[in-house]
Amino acid sequence: MFRLTVSTLDDEFIAPIQPALERAGLQVVHYMPGEGQEPDPAAAPDVLLLDWRHAVPVARPAEVQAWPDAMRLAVLRPVDTHLLGPTQELDDFILAPVHDAELVARVQLVLWRHGRALTRNTLEAGDLVVDTSNYQVFEGGRSISLTFKEFELLRFLMTHNQQVFTRETLLNRVWGYNYYGGSRTVDVHIRRLRSKLESSGRRYVETVRNVGYRFALPLR
């Protein structure tokens, strides 16, 4: 799975685009530049998405210096395209406002230019195999029938394996920011997932007391 880091100070920028990027098979990480948070060279992404809608930097940003091997894609305003040049060292750019399909296509193109591609269509952990292209799930070789939301919840937890999410975060990320149901919706779907996936006794989804849920196993 390729890692894509979004460098932005705007939470409202990353929230709408993250689901589409994750559905495409990318692990999405948020980096906030200039917030006293130095980029960790060990956390270098495959693709760095730079939010330059407010200004095109003249000097190399800290995250570009720290992650020199990352493929770089910038988002900027149409009026700022004349400011681009060799100094920015971009692989590509996209004009704001950003549309999901175009962004995913640009990321795929950048990866392809570097001899890489988003070809991984399965998520595997333990005896669990999730085919994200055909919406099929297998556990121990047997086919598991999931509803659409059960599948999306499982896929989200697996693509962020071993990370803990509150019920509110899961509601926002899986059901969407316009969903007004209560957090009990998450509990009900987790319970259904467990009843379908964990009949063999293996625990895939773990409850973290007073916090929320996480996918408990590392991906293969």
N, C-alpha and C. Protein backbone atom coordinates (compact mmCIF):
# COMPACT_ATOMS: atom_id res chain seq x y z
N MET A 1 0.84 -1.19 0.00
CA MET A 1 0.00 0.00 0.00
C MET A 1 0.88 1.25 0.00
N PHE A 2 0.58 2.18 -0.90
CA PHE A 2 1.36 3.40 -0.98
C PHE A 2 0.89 4.40 0.08
N ARG A 3 1.85 5.15 0.58
CA ARG A 3 1.57 6.15 1.61
C ARG A 3 1.54 7.53 0.97
N LEU A 4 0.45 8.26 1.17
CA LEU A 4 0.31 9.62 0.66
C LEU A 4 0.16 10.57 1.84
N THR A 5 1.06 11.53 1.94
CA THR A 5 1.00 12.52 3.01
C THR A 5 0.47 13.83 2.45
N VAL A 6 -0.56 14.36 3.09
CA VAL A 6 -1.15 15.63 2.69
C VAL A 6 -0.58 16.72 3.59
N SER A 7 0.14 17.66 3.01
CA SER A 7 0.72 18.76 3.77
C SER A 7 -0.22 19.96 3.67
N THR A 8 -0.94 20.23 4.75
CA THR A 8 -1.90 21.34 4.76
C THR A 8 -2.19 21.76 6.19
N LEU A 9 -2.52 23.04 6.36
CA LEU A 9 -2.97 23.55 7.65
C LEU A 9 -4.48 23.55 7.75
N ASP A 10 -5.14 23.14 6.68
CA ASP A 10 -6.60 23.24 6.58
C ASP A 10 -7.24 21.87 6.72
N ASP A 11 -7.85 21.60 7.88
CA ASP A 11 -8.53 20.32 8.09
C ASP A 11 -9.67 20.13 7.10
N GLU A 12 -10.28 21.22 6.69
CA GLU A 12 -11.40 21.13 5.76
C GLU A 12 -10.95 20.78 4.35
N PHE A 13 -9.66 20.90 4.08
CA PHE A 13 -9.14 20.49 2.78
C PHE A 13 -8.99 18.98 2.69
N ILE A 14 -8.49 18.38 3.76
CA ILE A 14 -8.19 16.95 3.71
C ILE A 14 -9.44 16.08 3.89
N ALA A 15 -10.39 16.53 4.68
CA ALA A 15 -11.55 15.69 5.01
C ALA A 15 -12.34 15.23 3.78
N PRO A 16 -12.65 16.08 2.82
CA PRO A 16 -13.46 15.62 1.68
C PRO A 16 -12.72 14.71 0.71
N ILE A 17 -11.39 14.84 0.62
CA ILE A 17 -10.64 14.06 -0.38
C ILE A 17 -10.12 12.74 0.17
N GLN A 18 -10.03 12.62 1.49
CA GLN A 18 -9.42 11.42 2.07
C GLN A 18 -10.17 10.13 1.73
N PRO A 19 -11.51 10.09 1.80
CA PRO A 19 -12.20 8.83 1.49
C PRO A 19 -11.90 8.31 0.09
N ALA A 20 -11.87 9.19 -0.91
CA ALA A 20 -11.61 8.75 -2.29
C ALA A 20 -10.19 8.21 -2.43
N LEU A 21 -9.24 8.86 -1.78
CA LEU A 21 -7.85 8.39 -1.85
C LEU A 21 -7.71 7.03 -1.18
N GLU A 22 -8.41 6.84 -0.06
CA GLU A 22 -8.33 5.55 0.63
C GLU A 22 -9.02 4.45 -0.16
N ARG A 23 -10.13 4.79 -0.81
CA ARG A 23 -10.80 3.79 -1.65
C ARG A 23 -9.91 3.36 -2.81
N ALA A 24 -9.02 4.25 -3.24
CA ALA A 24 -8.09 3.92 -4.32
C ALA A 24 -6.92 3.06 -3.83
N GLY A 25 -6.86 2.81 -2.53
CA GLY A 25 -5.82 1.95 -1.99
C GLY A 25 -4.64 2.66 -1.39
N LEU A 26 -4.79 3.95 -1.08
CA LEU A 26 -3.71 4.73 -0.50
C LEU A 26 -3.88 4.88 1.01
N GLN A 27 -2.78 4.85 1.72
CA GLN A 27 -2.80 5.19 3.14
C GLN A 27 -2.57 6.69 3.24
N VAL A 28 -3.51 7.42 3.83
CA VAL A 28 -3.45 8.88 3.86
C VAL A 28 -3.03 9.36 5.24
N VAL A 29 -2.01 10.23 5.27
CA VAL A 29 -1.48 10.79 6.51
C VAL A 29 -1.52 12.31 6.41
N HIS A 30 -1.83 12.97 7.51
CA HIS A 30 -1.91 14.44 7.54
C HIS A 30 -0.65 15.00 8.19
N TYR A 31 0.02 15.92 7.48
CA TYR A 31 1.16 16.65 8.04
C TYR A 31 0.82 18.13 8.05
N MET A 32 1.03 18.79 9.19
CA MET A 32 0.72 20.21 9.32
C MET A 32 2.02 21.01 9.31
N PRO A 33 2.33 21.69 8.22
CA PRO A 33 3.60 22.43 8.14
C PRO A 33 3.60 23.68 9.02
N GLY A 34 4.77 24.01 9.53
CA GLY A 34 4.92 25.25 10.29
C GLY A 34 4.24 25.26 11.63
N GLU A 35 3.92 24.08 12.18
CA GLU A 35 3.25 24.01 13.47
C GLU A 35 4.19 23.48 14.55
N GLY A 36 5.48 23.69 14.37
CA GLY A 36 6.45 23.17 15.33
C GLY A 36 6.67 21.68 15.20
N GLN A 37 6.13 21.10 14.13
CA GLN A 37 6.23 19.67 13.89
C GLN A 37 7.22 19.45 12.75
N GLU A 38 8.42 19.03 13.08
CA GLU A 38 9.42 18.77 12.06
C GLU A 38 9.10 17.46 11.35
N PRO A 39 9.18 17.43 10.03
CA PRO A 39 8.91 16.18 9.31
C PRO A 39 9.94 15.12 9.66
N ASP A 40 9.47 13.92 9.92
CA ASP A 40 10.33 12.81 10.30
C ASP A 40 10.84 12.12 9.03
N PRO A 41 12.15 12.12 8.79
CA PRO A 41 12.68 11.47 7.59
C PRO A 41 12.29 10.00 7.50
N ALA A 42 12.10 9.35 8.65
CA ALA A 42 11.74 7.93 8.65
C ALA A 42 10.29 7.71 8.23
N ALA A 43 9.49 8.77 8.24
CA ALA A 43 8.07 8.65 7.87
C ALA A 43 7.83 9.14 6.45
N ALA A 44 8.83 9.02 5.61
CA ALA A 44 8.72 9.53 4.24
C ALA A 44 7.59 8.85 3.48
N PRO A 45 6.74 9.63 2.81
CA PRO A 45 5.65 9.05 2.03
C PRO A 45 6.12 8.67 0.62
N ASP A 46 5.29 7.92 -0.07
CA ASP A 46 5.54 7.67 -1.49
C ASP A 46 5.15 8.89 -2.31
N VAL A 47 4.02 9.51 -1.91
CA VAL A 47 3.52 10.70 -2.60
C VAL A 47 3.27 11.79 -1.57
N LEU A 48 3.71 13.00 -1.89
CA LEU A 48 3.49 14.16 -1.03
C LEU A 48 2.54 15.11 -1.75
N LEU A 49 1.36 15.33 -1.16
CA LEU A 49 0.37 16.24 -1.73
C LEU A 49 0.47 17.57 -0.99
N LEU A 50 0.86 18.61 -1.70
CA LEU A 50 1.14 19.91 -1.11
C LEU A 50 -0.02 20.87 -1.36
N ASP A 51 -0.56 21.42 -0.29
CA ASP A 51 -1.65 22.38 -0.40
C ASP A 51 -1.05 23.78 -0.55
N TRP A 52 -0.98 24.25 -1.80
CA TRP A 52 -0.41 25.56 -2.09
C TRP A 52 -1.49 26.51 -2.60
N ARG A 53 -2.71 26.34 -2.12
CA ARG A 53 -3.81 27.19 -2.61
C ARG A 53 -3.66 28.64 -2.17
N HIS A 54 -2.94 28.87 -1.08
CA HIS A 54 -2.82 30.23 -0.55
C HIS A 54 -1.53 30.92 -0.97
N ALA A 55 -0.51 30.13 -1.26
CA ALA A 55 0.76 30.72 -1.70
C ALA A 55 1.66 29.63 -2.26
N VAL A 56 2.41 29.98 -3.29
CA VAL A 56 3.41 29.07 -3.86
C VAL A 56 4.75 29.44 -3.24
N PRO A 57 5.37 28.55 -2.48
CA PRO A 57 6.62 28.91 -1.79
C PRO A 57 7.77 29.12 -2.77
N VAL A 58 8.64 30.05 -2.42
CA VAL A 58 9.83 30.29 -3.23
C VAL A 58 10.93 29.31 -2.83
N ALA A 59 11.13 29.16 -1.51
CA ALA A 59 12.14 28.22 -1.01
C ALA A 59 11.53 26.83 -0.88
N ARG A 60 12.38 25.82 -0.78
CA ARG A 60 11.91 24.45 -0.63
C ARG A 60 11.30 24.27 0.76
N PRO A 61 10.05 23.84 0.85
CA PRO A 61 9.44 23.61 2.17
C PRO A 61 10.18 22.52 2.94
N ALA A 62 10.01 22.56 4.25
CA ALA A 62 10.72 21.61 5.12
C ALA A 62 10.39 20.16 4.77
N GLU A 63 9.11 19.90 4.44
CA GLU A 63 8.73 18.52 4.14
C GLU A 63 9.34 18.03 2.83
N VAL A 64 9.56 18.94 1.88
CA VAL A 64 10.22 18.56 0.62
C VAL A 64 11.69 18.25 0.89
N GLN A 65 12.32 19.03 1.77
CA GLN A 65 13.72 18.78 2.11
C GLN A 65 13.88 17.47 2.87
N ALA A 66 12.92 17.19 3.77
CA ALA A 66 13.02 15.99 4.60
C ALA A 66 12.72 14.72 3.81
N TRP A 67 11.85 14.84 2.78
CA TRP A 67 11.43 13.67 2.00
C TRP A 67 11.78 13.88 0.53
N PRO A 68 13.06 13.93 0.20
CA PRO A 68 13.46 14.27 -1.18
C PRO A 68 13.05 13.23 -2.22
N ASP A 69 12.82 11.99 -1.79
CA ASP A 69 12.48 10.94 -2.75
C ASP A 69 10.98 10.81 -2.98
N ALA A 70 10.18 11.56 -2.23
CA ALA A 70 8.73 11.48 -2.39
C ALA A 70 8.31 12.12 -3.71
N MET A 71 7.34 11.51 -4.38
CA MET A 71 6.75 12.13 -5.56
C MET A 71 5.87 13.29 -5.10
N ARG A 72 5.94 14.42 -5.79
CA ARG A 72 5.29 15.63 -5.29
C ARG A 72 4.21 16.13 -6.25
N LEU A 73 3.04 16.34 -5.67
CA LEU A 73 1.88 16.84 -6.39
C LEU A 73 1.33 18.03 -5.61
N ALA A 74 1.16 19.18 -6.25
CA ALA A 74 0.70 20.38 -5.56
C ALA A 74 -0.69 20.78 -6.03
N VAL A 75 -1.44 21.37 -5.10
CA VAL A 75 -2.75 21.95 -5.41
C VAL A 75 -2.60 23.46 -5.33
N LEU A 76 -2.98 24.17 -6.38
CA LEU A 76 -2.83 25.62 -6.37
C LEU A 76 -3.94 26.29 -7.17
N ARG A 77 -4.04 27.60 -7.01
CA ARG A 77 -5.05 28.37 -7.72
C ARG A 77 -4.63 28.58 -9.17
N PRO A 78 -5.60 28.67 -10.09
CA PRO A 78 -5.24 28.90 -11.50
C PRO A 78 -4.38 30.14 -11.71
N VAL A 79 -4.60 31.19 -10.90
CA VAL A 79 -3.85 32.44 -11.09
C VAL A 79 -2.39 32.31 -10.68
N ASP A 80 -2.02 31.19 -10.02
CA ASP A 80 -0.65 31.04 -9.54
C ASP A 80 0.20 30.12 -10.41
N THR A 81 -0.35 29.61 -11.50
CA THR A 81 0.42 28.65 -12.30
C THR A 81 1.69 29.27 -12.89
N HIS A 82 1.67 30.59 -13.12
CA HIS A 82 2.86 31.23 -13.70
C HIS A 82 4.02 31.28 -12.72
N LEU A 83 3.75 30.99 -11.44
CA LEU A 83 4.81 31.01 -10.43
C LEU A 83 5.59 29.70 -10.37
N LEU A 84 5.09 28.69 -11.06
CA LEU A 84 5.75 27.39 -11.01
C LEU A 84 6.99 27.38 -11.90
N GLY A 85 7.99 26.65 -11.42
CA GLY A 85 9.23 26.52 -12.18
C GLY A 85 10.08 25.41 -11.61
N PRO A 86 11.31 25.29 -12.06
CA PRO A 86 12.19 24.22 -11.57
C PRO A 86 12.41 24.26 -10.06
N THR A 87 12.29 25.45 -9.47
CA THR A 87 12.54 25.58 -8.03
C THR A 87 11.59 24.72 -7.20
N GLN A 88 10.34 24.60 -7.66
CA GLN A 88 9.36 23.86 -6.88
C GLN A 88 9.54 22.34 -6.98
N GLU A 89 10.21 21.86 -8.01
CA GLU A 89 10.53 20.43 -8.14
C GLU A 89 9.29 19.55 -8.01
N LEU A 90 8.24 19.88 -8.76
CA LEU A 90 7.00 19.11 -8.71
C LEU A 90 6.97 18.04 -9.79
N ASP A 91 6.26 16.95 -9.49
CA ASP A 91 5.99 15.94 -10.51
C ASP A 91 4.74 16.30 -11.30
N ASP A 92 3.82 17.00 -10.64
CA ASP A 92 2.58 17.40 -11.31
C ASP A 92 1.87 18.39 -10.39
N PHE A 93 0.83 19.04 -10.92
CA PHE A 93 0.01 19.91 -10.09
C PHE A 93 -1.44 19.78 -10.53
N ILE A 94 -2.33 20.20 -9.65
CA ILE A 94 -3.76 20.14 -9.91
C ILE A 94 -4.36 21.47 -9.46
N LEU A 95 -5.32 21.97 -10.22
CA LEU A 95 -5.91 23.27 -9.91
C LEU A 95 -7.08 23.13 -8.95
N ALA A 96 -7.16 24.06 -8.01
CA ALA A 96 -8.29 24.12 -7.09
C ALA A 96 -9.49 24.73 -7.82
N PRO A 97 -10.71 24.31 -7.45
CA PRO A 97 -11.07 23.33 -6.42
C PRO A 97 -10.77 21.90 -6.87
N VAL A 98 -10.46 21.06 -5.89
CA VAL A 98 -10.05 19.69 -6.17
C VAL A 98 -11.27 18.79 -6.27
N HIS A 99 -11.29 17.96 -7.32
CA HIS A 99 -12.35 16.96 -7.48
C HIS A 99 -11.75 15.57 -7.28
N ASP A 100 -12.48 14.72 -6.56
CA ASP A 100 -11.95 13.42 -6.15
C ASP A 100 -11.38 12.62 -7.32
N ALA A 101 -12.17 12.47 -8.38
CA ALA A 101 -11.77 11.61 -9.49
C ALA A 101 -10.49 12.12 -10.14
N GLU A 102 -10.39 13.43 -10.33
CA GLU A 102 -9.20 13.99 -10.96
C GLU A 102 -7.98 13.82 -10.07
N LEU A 103 -8.16 14.03 -8.77
CA LEU A 103 -7.04 13.89 -7.84
C LEU A 103 -6.50 12.47 -7.85
N VAL A 104 -7.39 11.49 -7.75
CA VAL A 104 -6.96 10.09 -7.77
C VAL A 104 -6.25 9.78 -9.09
N ALA A 105 -6.79 10.28 -10.19
CA ALA A 105 -6.17 10.04 -11.50
C ALA A 105 -4.77 10.65 -11.57
N ARG A 106 -4.60 11.85 -11.01
CA ARG A 106 -3.28 12.50 -11.03
C ARG A 106 -2.28 11.72 -10.17
N VAL A 107 -2.73 11.24 -9.02
CA VAL A 107 -1.85 10.45 -8.16
C VAL A 107 -1.44 9.17 -8.89
N GLN A 108 -2.40 8.51 -9.53
CA GLN A 108 -2.09 7.30 -10.28
C GLN A 108 -1.10 7.59 -11.40
N LEU A 109 -1.26 8.73 -12.07
CA LEU A 109 -0.36 9.09 -13.16
C LEU A 109 1.06 9.33 -12.65
N VAL A 110 1.17 10.03 -11.53
CA VAL A 110 2.50 10.29 -10.95
C VAL A 110 3.18 8.97 -10.57
N LEU A 111 2.43 8.07 -9.96
CA LEU A 111 2.99 6.76 -9.61
C LEU A 111 3.42 6.00 -10.86
N TRP A 112 2.58 6.04 -11.89
CA TRP A 112 2.88 5.32 -13.13
C TRP A 112 4.15 5.86 -13.78
N ARG A 113 4.34 7.18 -13.75
CA ARG A 113 5.54 7.77 -14.33
C ARG A 113 6.81 7.28 -13.64
N HIS A 114 6.67 6.90 -12.38
CA HIS A 114 7.82 6.42 -11.62
C HIS A 114 7.87 4.89 -11.60
N GLY A 115 7.13 4.26 -12.50
CA GLY A 115 7.16 2.81 -12.60
C GLY A 115 6.42 2.09 -11.50
N ARG A 116 5.45 2.77 -10.90
CA ARG A 116 4.68 2.17 -9.83
C ARG A 116 3.20 2.35 -10.15
N ALA A 117 2.35 1.57 -9.51
CA ALA A 117 0.93 1.65 -9.83
C ALA A 117 0.10 1.18 -8.65
N LEU A 118 -1.13 1.70 -8.58
CA LEU A 118 -2.07 1.27 -7.54
C LEU A 118 -2.73 -0.02 -7.99
N THR A 119 -2.03 -1.12 -7.79
CA THR A 119 -2.53 -2.40 -8.28
C THR A 119 -3.06 -3.31 -7.18
N ARG A 120 -2.85 -2.93 -5.93
CA ARG A 120 -3.27 -3.79 -4.84
C ARG A 120 -4.79 -3.69 -4.66
N ASN A 121 -5.47 -4.82 -4.87
CA ASN A 121 -6.93 -4.84 -4.76
C ASN A 121 -7.42 -5.68 -3.60
N THR A 122 -6.49 -6.22 -2.81
CA THR A 122 -6.90 -7.03 -1.67
C THR A 122 -6.21 -6.56 -0.40
N LEU A 123 -6.92 -6.72 0.70
CA LEU A 123 -6.38 -6.49 2.03
C LEU A 123 -6.41 -7.82 2.75
N GLU A 124 -5.30 -8.21 3.37
CA GLU A 124 -5.21 -9.52 4.00
C GLU A 124 -4.64 -9.40 5.40
N ALA A 125 -5.28 -10.10 6.33
CA ALA A 125 -4.80 -10.13 7.71
C ALA A 125 -5.32 -11.42 8.34
N GLY A 126 -4.41 -12.19 8.94
CA GLY A 126 -4.83 -13.47 9.50
C GLY A 126 -5.43 -14.34 8.41
N ASP A 127 -6.64 -14.85 8.65
CA ASP A 127 -7.34 -15.66 7.64
C ASP A 127 -8.34 -14.83 6.85
N LEU A 128 -8.27 -13.52 7.00
CA LEU A 128 -9.25 -12.62 6.37
C LEU A 128 -8.68 -12.04 5.08
N VAL A 129 -9.46 -12.13 4.00
CA VAL A 129 -9.09 -11.55 2.71
C VAL A 129 -10.24 -10.67 2.24
N VAL A 130 -9.95 -9.41 1.95
CA VAL A 130 -10.97 -8.47 1.48
C VAL A 130 -10.59 -8.02 0.07
N ASP A 131 -11.45 -8.33 -0.88
CA ASP A 131 -11.26 -7.91 -2.27
C ASP A 131 -11.97 -6.58 -2.45
N THR A 132 -11.19 -5.49 -2.51
CA THR A 132 -11.79 -4.16 -2.55
C THR A 132 -12.35 -3.80 -3.91
N SER A 133 -11.96 -4.52 -4.95
CA SER A 133 -12.48 -4.24 -6.29
C SER A 133 -13.86 -4.84 -6.49
N ASN A 134 -14.05 -6.05 -5.97
CA ASN A 134 -15.30 -6.78 -6.20
C ASN A 134 -16.19 -6.85 -4.97
N TYR A 135 -15.79 -6.14 -3.90
CA TYR A 135 -16.58 -6.11 -2.66
C TYR A 135 -16.88 -7.52 -2.16
N GLN A 136 -15.82 -8.33 -2.10
CA GLN A 136 -15.95 -9.68 -1.60
C GLN A 136 -15.06 -9.85 -0.37
N VAL A 137 -15.54 -10.66 0.57
CA VAL A 137 -14.81 -10.91 1.81
C VAL A 137 -14.76 -12.41 2.05
N PHE A 138 -13.57 -12.90 2.42
CA PHE A 138 -13.41 -14.32 2.72
C PHE A 138 -12.69 -14.45 4.06
N GLU A 139 -13.16 -15.38 4.86
CA GLU A 139 -12.52 -15.64 6.15
C GLU A 139 -12.33 -17.14 6.27
N GLY A 140 -11.05 -17.56 6.35
CA GLY A 140 -10.76 -18.98 6.40
C GLY A 140 -11.24 -19.72 5.16
N GLY A 141 -11.27 -19.02 4.03
CA GLY A 141 -11.69 -19.65 2.78
C GLY A 141 -13.18 -19.59 2.50
N ARG A 142 -13.99 -19.20 3.47
CA ARG A 142 -15.44 -19.14 3.25
C ARG A 142 -15.85 -17.71 2.92
N SER A 143 -16.83 -17.58 2.04
CA SER A 143 -17.31 -16.28 1.62
C SER A 143 -18.20 -15.68 2.70
N ILE A 144 -18.00 -14.39 2.99
CA ILE A 144 -18.77 -13.68 4.00
C ILE A 144 -19.60 -12.60 3.31
N SER A 145 -20.88 -12.59 3.57
CA SER A 145 -21.77 -11.59 2.98
C SER A 145 -21.89 -10.39 3.92
N LEU A 146 -21.47 -9.22 3.43
CA LEU A 146 -21.56 -7.99 4.22
C LEU A 146 -22.43 -6.97 3.51
N THR A 147 -23.09 -6.12 4.29
CA THR A 147 -23.79 -4.99 3.70
C THR A 147 -22.74 -3.97 3.24
N PHE A 148 -23.18 -2.98 2.47
CA PHE A 148 -22.24 -1.98 1.96
C PHE A 148 -21.53 -1.25 3.09
N LYS A 149 -22.27 -0.81 4.11
CA LYS A 149 -21.65 -0.07 5.21
C LYS A 149 -20.77 -0.97 6.06
N GLU A 150 -21.15 -2.22 6.24
CA GLU A 150 -20.28 -3.15 6.96
C GLU A 150 -18.95 -3.30 6.22
N PHE A 151 -19.04 -3.40 4.90
CA PHE A 151 -17.82 -3.53 4.09
C PHE A 151 -16.97 -2.28 4.19
N GLU A 152 -17.58 -1.10 4.06
CA GLU A 152 -16.83 0.15 4.13
C GLU A 152 -16.19 0.34 5.50
N LEU A 153 -16.89 -0.04 6.55
CA LEU A 153 -16.34 0.07 7.90
C LEU A 153 -15.14 -0.86 8.06
N LEU A 154 -15.28 -2.09 7.58
CA LEU A 154 -14.17 -3.04 7.66
C LEU A 154 -12.98 -2.55 6.85
N ARG A 155 -13.23 -2.07 5.64
CA ARG A 155 -12.13 -1.58 4.81
C ARG A 155 -11.42 -0.40 5.47
N PHE A 156 -12.19 0.51 6.04
CA PHE A 156 -11.56 1.67 6.69
C PHE A 156 -10.67 1.22 7.85
N LEU A 157 -11.18 0.33 8.69
CA LEU A 157 -10.39 -0.12 9.84
C LEU A 157 -9.15 -0.88 9.39
N MET A 158 -9.27 -1.68 8.33
CA MET A 158 -8.12 -2.45 7.86
C MET A 158 -7.05 -1.55 7.23
N THR A 159 -7.46 -0.53 6.49
CA THR A 159 -6.48 0.35 5.86
C THR A 159 -5.81 1.26 6.89
N HIS A 160 -6.36 1.30 8.10
CA HIS A 160 -5.73 2.04 9.20
C HIS A 160 -5.47 1.06 10.35
N ASN A 161 -4.98 -0.11 9.99
CA ASN A 161 -4.87 -1.19 10.96
C ASN A 161 -4.06 -0.79 12.18
N GLN A 162 -4.57 -1.21 13.33
CA GLN A 162 -3.97 -0.99 14.64
C GLN A 162 -4.02 0.47 15.10
N GLN A 163 -4.77 1.32 14.37
CA GLN A 163 -5.03 2.68 14.83
C GLN A 163 -6.40 2.71 15.50
N VAL A 164 -6.52 3.46 16.58
CA VAL A 164 -7.77 3.52 17.34
C VAL A 164 -8.60 4.70 16.86
N PHE A 165 -9.91 4.47 16.64
CA PHE A 165 -10.82 5.52 16.20
C PHE A 165 -12.02 5.59 17.13
N THR A 166 -12.41 6.80 17.47
CA THR A 166 -13.62 6.98 18.26
C THR A 166 -14.84 6.68 17.39
N ARG A 167 -15.97 6.48 18.04
CA ARG A 167 -17.21 6.24 17.30
C ARG A 167 -17.56 7.44 16.43
N GLU A 168 -17.32 8.65 16.96
CA GLU A 168 -17.65 9.86 16.20
C GLU A 168 -16.79 9.96 14.94
N THR A 169 -15.51 9.62 15.06
CA THR A 169 -14.64 9.66 13.88
C THR A 169 -15.08 8.64 12.84
N LEU A 170 -15.43 7.44 13.29
CA LEU A 170 -15.89 6.42 12.35
C LEU A 170 -17.18 6.84 11.67
N LEU A 171 -18.07 7.48 12.41
CA LEU A 171 -19.30 8.00 11.79
C LEU A 171 -18.98 8.98 10.68
N ASN A 172 -18.07 9.91 10.97
CA ASN A 172 -17.72 10.93 9.98
C ASN A 172 -17.03 10.34 8.76
N ARG A 173 -16.12 9.39 9.00
CA ARG A 173 -15.29 8.89 7.92
C ARG A 173 -15.97 7.82 7.08
N VAL A 174 -16.86 7.05 7.67
CA VAL A 174 -17.52 5.96 6.94
C VAL A 174 -18.91 6.35 6.48
N TRP A 175 -19.67 7.00 7.36
CA TRP A 175 -21.04 7.39 7.00
C TRP A 175 -21.10 8.78 6.37
N GLY A 176 -20.09 9.60 6.65
CA GLY A 176 -20.05 10.93 6.05
C GLY A 176 -20.44 12.02 7.03
N TYR A 177 -19.96 13.22 6.74
CA TYR A 177 -20.17 14.34 7.65
C TYR A 177 -21.62 14.82 7.68
N ASN A 178 -22.41 14.40 6.70
CA ASN A 178 -23.81 14.81 6.67
C ASN A 178 -24.74 13.80 7.34
N TYR A 179 -24.15 12.75 7.91
CA TYR A 179 -24.97 11.73 8.57
C TYR A 179 -25.28 12.18 10.00
N TYR A 180 -26.55 12.11 10.36
CA TYR A 180 -26.97 12.63 11.66
C TYR A 180 -27.38 11.54 12.65
N GLY A 181 -27.09 10.29 12.33
CA GLY A 181 -27.39 9.22 13.27
C GLY A 181 -26.46 9.24 14.46
N GLY A 182 -26.82 8.52 15.51
CA GLY A 182 -26.01 8.50 16.72
C GLY A 182 -24.88 7.50 16.63
N SER A 183 -23.98 7.57 17.62
CA SER A 183 -22.81 6.70 17.63
C SER A 183 -23.17 5.23 17.84
N ARG A 184 -24.39 4.96 18.29
CA ARG A 184 -24.82 3.57 18.44
C ARG A 184 -24.82 2.85 17.10
N THR A 185 -24.95 3.61 16.02
CA THR A 185 -24.89 3.01 14.68
C THR A 185 -23.58 2.26 14.50
N VAL A 186 -22.48 2.85 14.97
CA VAL A 186 -21.17 2.20 14.86
C VAL A 186 -21.15 0.92 15.67
N ASP A 187 -21.65 0.97 16.90
CA ASP A 187 -21.65 -0.22 17.76
C ASP A 187 -22.42 -1.37 17.11
N VAL A 188 -23.56 -1.04 16.51
CA VAL A 188 -24.39 -2.07 15.87
C VAL A 188 -23.63 -2.71 14.71
N HIS A 189 -22.99 -1.91 13.89
CA HIS A 189 -22.26 -2.45 12.74
C HIS A 189 -21.03 -3.24 13.17
N ILE A 190 -20.35 -2.79 14.21
CA ILE A 190 -19.21 -3.55 14.73
C ILE A 190 -19.68 -4.91 15.24
N ARG A 191 -20.79 -4.92 15.95
CA ARG A 191 -21.32 -6.18 16.47
C ARG A 191 -21.67 -7.14 15.34
N ARG A 192 -22.25 -6.61 14.27
CA ARG A 192 -22.60 -7.46 13.12
C ARG A 192 -21.35 -7.98 12.42
N LEU A 193 -20.35 -7.11 12.28
CA LEU A 193 -19.09 -7.54 11.67
C LEU A 193 -18.47 -8.69 12.46
N ARG A 194 -18.44 -8.53 13.76
CA ARG A 194 -17.84 -9.56 14.60
C ARG A 194 -18.59 -10.89 14.48
N SER A 195 -19.90 -10.81 14.45
CA SER A 195 -20.69 -12.05 14.38
C SER A 195 -20.44 -12.78 13.07
N LYS A 196 -20.12 -12.02 12.00
CA LYS A 196 -19.89 -12.64 10.70
C LYS A 196 -18.45 -13.08 10.49
N LEU A 197 -17.50 -12.33 11.06
CA LEU A 197 -16.09 -12.58 10.78
C LEU A 197 -15.40 -13.47 11.80
N GLU A 198 -15.88 -13.45 13.04
CA GLU A 198 -15.10 -14.03 14.12
C GLU A 198 -15.66 -15.34 14.65
N SER A 199 -16.38 -16.06 13.80
CA SER A 199 -16.94 -17.34 14.24
C SER A 199 -15.86 -18.37 14.53
N SER A 200 -14.67 -18.18 13.92
CA SER A 200 -13.56 -19.12 14.15
C SER A 200 -12.84 -18.84 15.46
N GLY A 201 -13.20 -17.75 16.13
CA GLY A 201 -12.57 -17.42 17.40
C GLY A 201 -11.46 -16.39 17.29
N ARG A 202 -11.03 -16.07 16.06
CA ARG A 202 -9.99 -15.06 15.88
C ARG A 202 -10.60 -13.67 16.01
N ARG A 203 -9.98 -12.79 16.78
CA ARG A 203 -10.49 -11.44 16.98
C ARG A 203 -9.84 -10.48 15.99
N TYR A 204 -10.68 -9.89 15.13
CA TYR A 204 -10.17 -8.93 14.15
C TYR A 204 -10.38 -7.49 14.61
N VAL A 205 -11.57 -7.20 15.11
CA VAL A 205 -11.89 -5.83 15.54
C VAL A 205 -11.86 -5.79 17.06
N GLU A 206 -11.05 -4.91 17.58
CA GLU A 206 -10.83 -4.83 19.02
C GLU A 206 -11.46 -3.57 19.60
N THR A 207 -12.09 -3.71 20.75
CA THR A 207 -12.63 -2.56 21.48
C THR A 207 -11.55 -1.99 22.39
N VAL A 208 -11.32 -0.70 22.29
CA VAL A 208 -10.40 -0.01 23.20
C VAL A 208 -11.27 0.74 24.20
N ARG A 209 -11.25 0.30 25.40
CA ARG A 209 -12.19 0.79 26.41
C ARG A 209 -12.14 2.31 26.56
N ASN A 210 -13.32 2.91 26.58
CA ASN A 210 -13.50 4.36 26.74
C ASN A 210 -12.96 5.18 25.57
N VAL A 211 -12.57 4.50 24.49
CA VAL A 211 -12.06 5.24 23.33
C VAL A 211 -12.85 4.89 22.07
N GLY A 212 -12.73 3.64 21.61
CA GLY A 212 -13.41 3.27 20.37
C GLY A 212 -12.98 1.90 19.88
N TYR A 213 -12.64 1.81 18.59
CA TYR A 213 -12.33 0.52 17.98
C TYR A 213 -11.07 0.62 17.12
N ARG A 214 -10.47 -0.56 16.89
CA ARG A 214 -9.36 -0.65 15.95
C ARG A 214 -9.32 -2.04 15.34
N PHE A 215 -8.70 -2.13 14.16
CA PHE A 215 -8.44 -3.43 13.56
C PHE A 215 -7.18 -3.97 14.21
N ALA A 216 -7.27 -5.17 14.78
CA ALA A 216 -6.25 -5.63 15.72
C ALA A 216 -5.03 -6.28 15.07
N LEU A 217 -5.15 -6.75 13.83
CA LEU A 217 -4.05 -7.51 13.23
C LEU A 217 -3.29 -6.70 12.19
N PRO A 218 -1.99 -6.93 12.05
CA PRO A 218 -1.25 -6.27 10.96
C PRO A 218 -1.62 -6.87 9.62
N LEU A 219 -1.56 -6.06 8.57
CA LEU A 219 -1.83 -6.55 7.23
C LEU A 219 -0.63 -7.32 6.71
N ARG A 220 -0.92 -8.32 5.86
CA ARG A 220 0.15 -9.08 5.22
C ARG A 220 0.62 -8.35 3.97
